[in-house]
Amino acid sequence: MDLLDIYIRAFGKLKRGVTPYGLAPHKPILLLTLIELIDKGLAIDNRFEVNVDLVGLFQENWRLLVHTSHQSDFTQPFYYLQSDKANGQSFWELHPYPGFQVNAHIKSVQTLSQTVAYGSFNAELFQLLTLSTNRVILRDTILSTYFPDRQANYYQQKEINDGYYHDVQALVLNEPEMRYKHVSVQTEEDVFVRSGLFKRYIPQLYQDTCAMTGMRMRSTFKYNFIDACHIVPFAATHDDKVTNGIALCPNLHRAFDRGLVSIDEDYLVIVSSHIEELEDHPYSLVRLAGKQIILPHQAQYYPSQENLAWHRSEVFKD
């Protein structure tokens, strides 16, 4: 039996939990998602990080394929897939951050992302999946085995890029197409995806530049030096559109959240009178007063004037 046949057999006989609604579909959904990440070039060097792409595509694939009463839960197969084997060897492994261990299922996706650096396939399987023809065969194996009645629709929806993850990205980016659509926030995973996209897009739209100071910094190590700041707290409105955000360096983020600075109707910085500082210092806040903030290139991404008015009324200390 050649290597591809070994994994066709393994993917067709996944260990699945018995539930009142039938065998659990979580592991097949995860495998489809991992293959899709490779397709999209989002799994570099066999590292599958717990990020918005992985969780968002898992949620999309779940919605496209699962129509039973099972509850979507990305964290479950991410851990339990380690028990599945091909030719007697496990083909999935988790790699925790230094100082952490993963000895049991972590049910919180946020906690999981802070504990596990990445998951990976074994070397031979990942090498197999680098070939697009093998990915097609293994994807077809999963779909025909576990979701035969949904297979055609799944491919149709993927072809037109219509699904949950696309809709969430369009919602966060305030795209016109989402004006009459509704994407609910139901689970921690939904919040994780929307919040992660907000944190990704805000620095991008402001070109990694603090909107108030003009400080710009990028790192080749993926470190973030510019914060994605909510204007109205997410807890108050569940608003993760980029129009409820602004890119600020950490010290200005703190000042904004504490009402020491705000932004007026003309997108000019206003500074609270309740500040004691060395005003002649080059980094003093008072030097920012009346300065035009840096804005995204497209008006649809500008900070909402309604949200800025709320900040001036409810947070800013005049």
Protein backbone atom coordinates (compact mmCIF):
# COMPACT_ATOMS: atom_id res chain seq x y z
CA MET A 1 0.00 0.00 0.00
CA ASP A 2 1.53 3.37 -1.00
CA LEU A 3 1.60 6.41 1.27
CA LEU A 4 -1.43 8.14 -0.25
CA ASP A 5 -3.53 4.98 0.14
CA ILE A 6 -2.50 4.77 3.79
CA TYR A 7 -3.87 8.25 4.47
CA ILE A 8 -6.98 7.73 2.35
CA ARG A 9 -7.74 4.80 4.62
CA ALA A 10 -6.88 6.73 7.80
CA PHE A 11 -8.98 9.77 6.82
CA GLY A 12 -11.89 7.47 6.00
CA LYS A 13 -11.82 5.80 9.43
CA LEU A 14 -11.49 8.66 11.91
CA LYS A 15 -12.38 7.99 15.54
CA ARG A 16 -15.59 9.89 16.19
CA GLY A 17 -17.57 10.37 19.37
CA VAL A 18 -21.01 8.82 19.68
CA THR A 19 -23.73 11.41 20.38
CA PRO A 20 -27.55 11.45 20.42
CA TYR A 21 -27.38 13.14 17.00
CA GLY A 22 -25.06 10.59 15.39
CA LEU A 23 -21.30 10.34 15.13
CA ALA A 24 -19.51 13.63 15.79
CA PRO A 25 -18.48 15.51 12.60
CA HIS A 26 -15.78 17.64 14.25
CA LYS A 27 -12.63 15.80 13.11
CA PRO A 28 -13.56 15.63 9.41
CA ILE A 29 -14.38 19.37 9.51
CA LEU A 30 -10.99 20.13 11.07
CA LEU A 31 -9.12 18.07 8.47
CA LEU A 32 -10.94 19.83 5.64
CA THR A 33 -10.01 23.15 7.22
CA LEU A 34 -6.34 22.24 7.58
CA ILE A 35 -6.20 21.16 3.93
CA GLU A 36 -7.88 24.43 2.91
CA LEU A 37 -5.28 26.44 4.85
CA ILE A 38 -2.55 24.69 2.86
CA ASP A 39 -4.48 25.47 -0.36
CA LYS A 40 -4.54 29.16 0.59
CA GLY A 41 -0.87 29.28 1.57
CA LEU A 42 -1.74 30.01 5.19
CA ALA A 43 0.07 27.04 6.79
CA ILE A 44 3.72 27.91 6.47
CA ASP A 45 6.29 25.25 7.40
CA ASN A 46 3.64 22.83 8.68
CA ARG A 47 2.56 25.23 11.45
CA PHE A 48 -1.20 25.53 12.04
CA GLU A 49 -1.58 28.34 14.56
CA VAL A 50 -4.74 28.90 16.57
CA ASN A 51 -5.67 32.09 14.73
CA VAL A 52 -8.63 33.73 13.02
CA ASP A 53 -8.02 31.96 9.71
CA LEU A 54 -8.11 28.49 11.26
CA VAL A 55 -11.08 29.14 13.52
CA GLY A 56 -12.96 31.22 10.94
CA LEU A 57 -12.64 28.61 8.18
CA PHE A 58 -13.57 25.82 10.62
CA GLN A 59 -16.77 27.73 11.44
CA GLU A 60 -17.46 28.30 7.75
CA ASN A 61 -16.99 24.64 6.87
CA TRP A 62 -19.14 23.60 9.81
CA ARG A 63 -22.01 25.78 8.60
CA LEU A 64 -21.68 24.44 5.06
CA LEU A 65 -21.62 20.76 6.00
CA VAL A 66 -23.25 20.09 9.38
CA HIS A 67 -27.02 20.19 9.59
CA THR A 68 -27.58 18.09 12.69
CA SER A 69 -27.92 19.37 16.25
CA HIS A 70 -24.22 18.92 17.01
CA GLN A 71 -22.59 21.98 18.57
CA SER A 72 -19.67 23.52 16.72
CA ASP A 73 -16.50 23.35 18.81
CA PHE A 74 -13.12 23.87 17.16
CA THR A 75 -11.11 23.10 20.31
CA GLN A 76 -12.39 19.51 20.56
CA PRO A 77 -10.93 18.00 17.34
CA PHE A 78 -7.85 20.21 17.59
CA TYR A 79 -6.92 18.20 20.70
CA TYR A 80 -8.48 14.80 20.05
CA LEU A 81 -7.19 14.38 16.48
CA GLN A 82 -3.91 13.42 18.16
CA SER A 83 -5.44 10.01 18.94
CA ASP A 84 -5.97 9.13 15.26
CA LYS A 85 -3.28 7.12 13.50
CA ALA A 86 -2.08 6.08 10.07
CA ASN A 87 -0.05 2.88 9.79
CA GLY A 88 0.11 2.76 13.58
CA GLN A 89 1.53 6.29 13.98
CA SER A 90 -0.22 9.50 15.09
CA PHE A 91 -0.34 12.04 12.28
CA TRP A 92 -1.33 15.17 14.27
CA GLU A 93 0.56 16.78 17.17
CA LEU A 94 0.19 19.91 19.31
CA HIS A 95 3.18 22.06 20.21
CA PRO A 96 2.66 24.16 23.36
CA TYR A 97 4.54 27.34 24.09
CA PRO A 98 7.61 26.94 26.35
CA GLY A 99 6.55 26.37 29.94
CA PHE A 100 3.10 25.03 29.00
CA GLN A 101 1.71 21.51 28.68
CA VAL A 102 -1.41 20.21 26.98
CA ASN A 103 -2.52 17.06 28.77
CA ALA A 104 -6.27 17.50 28.31
CA HIS A 105 -8.83 19.16 26.06
CA ILE A 106 -8.76 22.97 26.51
CA LYS A 107 -12.32 24.12 25.92
CA SER A 108 -11.66 27.86 25.59
CA VAL A 109 -10.31 28.92 22.18
CA GLN A 110 -8.73 32.01 23.76
CA THR A 111 -6.92 29.90 26.36
CA LEU A 112 -5.94 27.40 23.68
CA SER A 113 -4.39 30.16 21.55
CA GLN A 114 -2.34 31.32 24.54
CA THR A 115 -1.19 27.78 25.40
CA VAL A 116 -0.50 26.10 22.05
CA ALA A 117 1.96 27.68 19.62
CA TYR A 118 0.75 25.50 16.74
CA GLY A 119 -0.40 22.06 15.63
CA SER A 120 1.34 20.08 12.91
CA PHE A 121 0.98 16.99 10.75
CA ASN A 122 3.76 14.43 10.75
CA ALA A 123 6.42 15.17 8.14
CA GLU A 124 5.31 12.53 5.61
CA LEU A 125 1.67 13.64 5.63
CA PHE A 126 2.55 17.32 5.27
CA GLN A 127 4.88 16.49 2.40
CA LEU A 128 2.05 14.52 0.80
CA LEU A 129 -0.28 17.50 1.18
CA THR A 130 2.11 19.89 -0.53
CA LEU A 131 0.90 18.40 -3.83
CA SER A 132 -2.45 19.83 -4.91
CA THR A 133 -3.54 16.54 -6.52
CA ASN A 134 -3.14 14.75 -3.19
CA ARG A 135 -5.11 17.47 -1.40
CA VAL A 136 -7.96 17.03 -3.90
CA ILE A 137 -8.01 13.26 -3.37
CA LEU A 138 -7.94 13.46 0.42
CA ARG A 139 -10.55 16.24 0.49
CA ASP A 140 -12.83 14.14 -1.71
CA THR A 141 -12.27 11.18 0.60
CA ILE A 142 -13.43 13.21 3.61
CA LEU A 143 -16.45 14.70 1.85
CA SER A 144 -17.65 11.48 0.24
CA THR A 145 -17.19 9.51 3.48
CA TYR A 146 -18.75 11.88 6.01
CA PHE A 147 -20.82 14.42 4.04
CA PRO A 148 -21.84 12.78 0.75
CA ASP A 149 -25.11 14.68 0.47
CA ARG A 150 -23.38 18.04 1.00
CA GLN A 151 -20.35 17.52 -1.20
CA ALA A 152 -21.62 19.23 -4.37
CA ASN A 153 -23.00 22.24 -2.50
CA TYR A 154 -19.76 22.54 -0.55
CA TYR A 155 -17.72 22.88 -3.73
CA GLN A 156 -20.21 25.33 -5.23
CA GLN A 157 -20.06 27.63 -2.21
CA LYS A 158 -16.27 27.50 -2.08
CA GLU A 159 -16.11 28.35 -5.78
CA ILE A 160 -18.09 31.56 -5.33
CA ASN A 161 -16.41 32.37 -1.98
CA ASP A 162 -19.74 32.66 -0.19
CA GLY A 163 -19.79 31.65 3.43
CA TYR A 164 -19.39 32.55 7.08
CA TYR A 165 -15.74 33.62 7.04
CA HIS A 166 -16.20 35.79 3.96
CA ASP A 167 -19.23 37.43 5.57
CA VAL A 168 -17.43 38.12 8.85
CA GLN A 169 -14.48 39.68 7.04
CA ALA A 170 -16.85 41.85 4.97
CA LEU A 171 -18.75 42.85 8.13
CA VAL A 172 -15.60 43.89 10.01
CA LEU A 173 -14.41 45.84 6.95
CA ASN A 174 -17.79 47.63 6.73
CA GLU A 175 -18.31 46.48 3.15
CA PRO A 176 -21.53 47.72 1.49
CA GLU A 177 -22.60 44.14 0.67
CA MET A 178 -23.11 43.50 4.41
CA ARG A 179 -25.49 46.39 4.96
CA TYR A 180 -28.53 44.13 4.84
CA LYS A 181 -26.93 40.94 6.14
CA HIS A 182 -26.77 39.84 9.76
CA VAL A 183 -23.87 37.88 11.26
CA SER A 184 -24.60 37.00 14.85
CA VAL A 185 -22.13 36.70 17.70
CA GLN A 186 -23.17 33.46 19.38
CA THR A 187 -20.10 31.73 20.75
CA GLU A 188 -16.63 32.46 22.07
CA GLU A 189 -15.28 31.29 18.72
CA ASP A 190 -17.40 33.90 16.89
CA VAL A 191 -16.00 36.60 19.18
CA PHE A 192 -12.46 35.25 18.68
CA VAL A 193 -12.78 35.47 14.89
CA ARG A 194 -14.33 38.95 14.77
CA SER A 195 -11.97 40.34 17.38
CA GLY A 196 -8.97 38.79 15.63
CA LEU A 197 -9.97 40.30 12.28
CA PHE A 198 -10.47 43.71 13.91
CA LYS A 199 -6.96 43.50 15.39
CA ARG A 200 -5.58 42.44 12.01
CA TYR A 201 -7.30 45.00 9.79
CA ILE A 202 -6.98 48.17 11.87
CA PRO A 203 -3.13 48.28 11.74
CA GLN A 204 -3.27 47.36 8.05
CA LEU A 205 -5.72 50.16 7.19
CA TYR A 206 -3.54 52.68 9.04
CA GLN A 207 -0.33 51.20 7.56
CA ASP A 208 0.99 50.29 11.01
CA THR A 209 0.94 53.97 11.92
CA CYS A 210 -0.40 55.61 15.07
CA ALA A 211 -3.22 57.86 13.86
CA MET A 212 -2.36 60.59 16.39
CA THR A 213 1.44 60.65 16.59
CA GLY A 214 2.35 59.37 13.14
CA MET A 215 4.71 56.81 14.65
CA ARG A 216 5.11 53.88 12.27
CA MET A 217 6.77 50.57 13.10
CA ARG A 218 6.79 47.11 11.59
CA SER A 219 8.61 43.95 12.60
CA THR A 220 9.70 40.94 10.60
CA PHE A 221 8.88 38.81 13.66
CA LYS A 222 5.10 39.50 13.50
CA TYR A 223 5.19 41.62 16.66
CA ASN A 224 2.50 44.30 16.85
CA PHE A 225 3.65 47.76 17.90
CA ILE A 226 0.45 49.57 16.92
CA ASP A 227 -2.77 48.71 18.76
CA ALA A 228 -6.24 48.26 17.31
CA CYS A 229 -8.24 50.47 19.68
CA HIS A 230 -12.03 50.28 20.04
CA ILE A 231 -13.75 53.67 20.18
CA VAL A 232 -16.86 52.28 21.89
CA PRO A 233 -15.89 49.22 23.97
CA PHE A 234 -16.78 45.89 22.37
CA ALA A 235 -18.50 44.82 25.60
CA ALA A 236 -20.99 47.67 25.20
CA THR A 237 -22.07 47.11 21.59
CA HIS A 238 -20.31 44.00 20.18
CA ASP A 239 -19.21 46.34 17.38
CA ASP A 240 -16.05 45.03 15.73
CA LYS A 241 -16.38 47.00 12.51
CA VAL A 242 -13.24 48.92 11.58
CA THR A 243 -15.36 52.08 11.80
CA ASN A 244 -15.40 51.50 15.57
CA GLY A 245 -11.62 51.41 15.64
CA ILE A 246 -8.51 53.48 15.35
CA ALA A 247 -4.81 52.59 15.26
CA LEU A 248 -2.87 53.98 18.22
CA CYS A 249 0.52 53.38 19.81
CA PRO A 250 0.19 51.84 23.32
CA ASN A 251 0.59 55.08 25.31
CA LEU A 252 -2.02 56.89 23.20
CA HIS A 253 -4.29 53.83 23.44
CA ARG A 254 -4.19 54.13 27.23
CA ALA A 255 -4.76 57.86 27.09
CA PHE A 256 -7.71 57.41 24.71
CA ASP A 257 -9.32 54.69 26.86
CA ARG A 258 -8.94 56.89 29.96
CA GLY A 259 -10.43 59.96 28.30
CA LEU A 260 -7.25 62.06 28.21
CA VAL A 261 -7.44 62.46 24.43
CA SER A 262 -10.28 62.23 21.92
CA ILE A 263 -11.13 63.25 18.34
CA ASP A 264 -13.52 65.99 17.24
CA GLU A 265 -15.98 66.28 14.34
CA ASP A 266 -13.20 67.31 11.95
CA TYR A 267 -10.92 64.43 12.95
CA LEU A 268 -8.69 66.75 14.99
CA VAL A 269 -7.09 65.60 18.25
CA ILE A 270 -8.48 67.14 21.43
CA VAL A 271 -6.56 66.89 24.69
CA SER A 272 -7.99 66.90 28.20
CA SER A 273 -7.17 69.76 30.57
CA HIS A 274 -6.79 67.19 33.37
CA ILE A 275 -3.21 66.29 32.49
CA GLU A 276 -0.04 67.13 34.36
CA GLU A 277 3.00 66.77 32.11
CA LEU A 278 6.14 68.47 30.88
CA GLU A 279 4.54 70.44 28.07
CA ASP A 280 7.87 71.25 26.43
CA HIS A 281 8.74 67.55 26.17
CA PRO A 282 8.73 66.32 22.53
CA TYR A 283 6.28 63.53 23.44
CA SER A 284 3.84 65.56 25.52
CA LEU A 285 0.16 65.09 24.71
CA VAL A 286 -0.57 68.81 24.54
CA ARG A 287 1.57 69.02 21.40
CA LEU A 288 -1.03 66.82 19.66
CA ALA A 289 -3.94 69.20 20.31
CA GLY A 290 -5.55 70.36 17.06
CA LYS A 291 -3.54 67.94 14.95
CA GLN A 292 -5.34 66.18 12.07
CA ILE A 293 -5.32 62.44 12.64
CA ILE A 294 -4.09 60.06 9.98
CA LEU A 295 -7.04 58.39 8.25
CA PRO A 296 -7.36 55.26 6.07
CA HIS A 297 -7.27 55.80 2.31
CA GLN A 298 -10.97 54.92 1.86
CA ALA A 299 -13.78 56.81 3.58
CA GLN A 300 -15.73 53.63 4.35
CA TYR A 301 -12.99 52.75 6.86
CA TYR A 302 -12.93 56.12 8.65
CA PRO A 303 -13.77 56.16 12.37
CA SER A 304 -17.52 56.60 12.78
CA GLN A 305 -18.47 60.12 13.83
CA GLU A 306 -21.32 58.65 15.87
CA ASN A 307 -18.85 56.52 17.84
CA LEU A 308 -16.44 59.43 18.27
CA ALA A 309 -19.30 61.57 19.61
CA TRP A 310 -20.05 58.80 22.13
CA HIS A 311 -16.39 58.79 23.21
CA ARG A 312 -16.37 62.58 23.68
CA SER A 313 -19.57 62.43 25.68
CA GLU A 314 -19.01 59.31 27.78
CA VAL A 315 -15.23 58.95 28.15
CA PHE A 316 -13.38 62.18 27.40
CA LYS A 317 -12.53 64.36 30.41
CA ASP A 318 -12.86 67.90 29.13
